[in-house]
């Protein structure tokens, strides 16, 4: 399960959900979206295109050795459409403002 924060938050906004999800048997990971928290901060605005942010999510899931994930997003984190090469490998649970 990949937890994607909203604006202007970072992974810590999921701190209460992570232990509950783990106790329920889920492998849950909360990330810092590019430019937030301790993530990289590219100077070029082109580095923040939605497709690039989605590809970051794909890279995290693959780095964890997984091929698919349930993606849970809050606020603008829920607006991430699946990357074309990842279609059919995600299940999105979306909630937000």
Protein backbone atom coordinates (compact mmCIF):
# COMPACT_ATOMS: atom_id res chain seq x y z
CA UNK A 1 0.00 0.00 0.00
CA UNK A 2 1.51 3.32 -1.08
CA UNK A 3 0.36 6.36 0.91
CA UNK A 4 0.75 9.68 -0.92
CA UNK A 5 0.42 12.88 1.09
CA UNK A 6 -1.28 16.11 0.11
CA UNK A 7 -0.24 19.76 0.06
CA UNK A 8 1.74 21.05 1.94
CA UNK A 9 2.41 17.89 3.93
CA UNK A 10 4.98 15.10 3.92
CA UNK A 11 5.03 11.39 4.88
CA UNK A 12 4.50 12.21 8.56
CA UNK A 13 0.86 13.05 7.89
CA UNK A 14 0.29 9.26 7.65
CA UNK A 15 1.90 8.51 11.05
CA UNK A 16 -1.38 7.45 12.65
CA UNK A 17 -2.49 5.21 9.78
CA UNK A 18 0.82 3.34 9.34
CA UNK A 19 0.71 1.30 12.59
CA UNK A 20 -2.98 0.51 12.12
CA UNK A 21 -2.40 -0.73 8.58
CA UNK A 22 0.62 -2.78 9.71
CA UNK A 23 -1.41 -4.34 12.53
CA UNK A 24 -4.06 -5.28 9.96
CA UNK A 25 -1.42 -7.13 7.94
CA UNK A 26 -0.74 -4.58 5.21
CA UNK A 27 2.69 -3.59 3.96
CA UNK A 28 2.21 0.17 3.95
CA UNK A 29 4.75 2.79 2.90
CA UNK A 30 4.33 6.56 3.19
CA UNK A 31 6.52 8.60 0.86
CA UNK A 32 7.70 12.17 0.61
CA UNK A 33 6.54 13.41 -2.78
CA UNK A 34 9.26 15.06 -4.86
CA UNK A 35 9.98 18.51 -3.45
CA UNK A 36 8.55 17.80 0.02
CA UNK A 37 10.04 16.58 3.28
CA UNK A 38 13.43 15.00 2.72
CA UNK A 39 12.90 14.20 -0.95
CA UNK A 40 14.95 15.70 -3.76
CA UNK A 41 14.09 19.24 -4.81
CA UNK A 42 14.88 19.78 -8.48
CA UNK A 43 15.10 23.47 -9.39
CA UNK A 44 13.40 23.14 -12.78
CA UNK A 45 9.62 23.42 -12.67
CA UNK A 46 9.43 20.84 -15.49
CA UNK A 47 10.64 18.25 -12.97
CA UNK A 48 7.27 18.40 -11.21
CA UNK A 49 4.98 17.22 -14.00
CA UNK A 50 2.29 14.84 -12.78
CA UNK A 51 3.64 12.00 -14.92
CA UNK A 52 7.08 12.41 -13.30
CA UNK A 53 5.53 12.29 -9.84
CA UNK A 54 3.61 9.15 -10.75
CA UNK A 55 6.79 7.58 -12.12
CA UNK A 56 8.41 8.30 -8.74
CA UNK A 57 5.62 6.28 -7.12
CA UNK A 58 6.20 3.42 -9.56
CA UNK A 59 9.93 3.49 -8.78
CA UNK A 60 9.25 3.24 -5.03
CA UNK A 61 6.94 0.25 -5.46
CA UNK A 62 9.42 -1.52 -7.73
CA UNK A 63 12.34 -0.74 -5.37
CA UNK A 64 10.34 -2.53 -2.68
CA UNK A 65 10.21 -5.59 -4.91
CA UNK A 66 6.52 -5.27 -5.75
CA UNK A 67 4.78 -5.20 -9.13
CA UNK A 68 1.54 -3.59 -7.98
CA UNK A 69 0.17 -1.54 -5.13
CA UNK A 70 -2.93 -0.06 -3.63
CA UNK A 71 -2.38 3.70 -3.82
CA UNK A 72 -4.04 5.84 -1.15
CA UNK A 73 -3.81 9.57 -1.70
CA UNK A 74 -4.86 12.58 0.32
CA UNK A 75 -5.63 16.01 -1.16
CA UNK A 76 -3.60 16.52 -4.36
CA UNK A 77 -1.87 13.17 -3.70
CA UNK A 78 -5.13 11.50 -4.73
CA UNK A 79 -5.07 13.19 -8.13
CA UNK A 80 -2.16 11.12 -9.41
CA UNK A 81 -3.43 9.15 -12.41
CA UNK A 82 -1.69 5.83 -13.01
CA UNK A 83 1.31 5.97 -15.31
CA UNK A 84 0.54 4.39 -18.71
CA UNK A 85 3.09 1.60 -18.21
CA UNK A 86 1.63 0.86 -14.77
CA UNK A 87 -2.00 0.56 -15.88
CA UNK A 88 -3.71 -2.50 -14.50
CA UNK A 89 -1.20 -2.76 -11.66
CA UNK A 90 -2.79 -0.34 -9.24
CA UNK A 91 -5.94 -0.05 -7.26
CA UNK A 92 -6.53 3.50 -6.10
CA UNK A 93 -8.36 4.40 -2.93
CA UNK A 94 -8.90 8.13 -3.10
CA UNK A 95 -10.05 10.54 -0.45
CA UNK A 96 -9.41 14.17 0.18
CA UNK A 97 -10.71 17.69 0.50
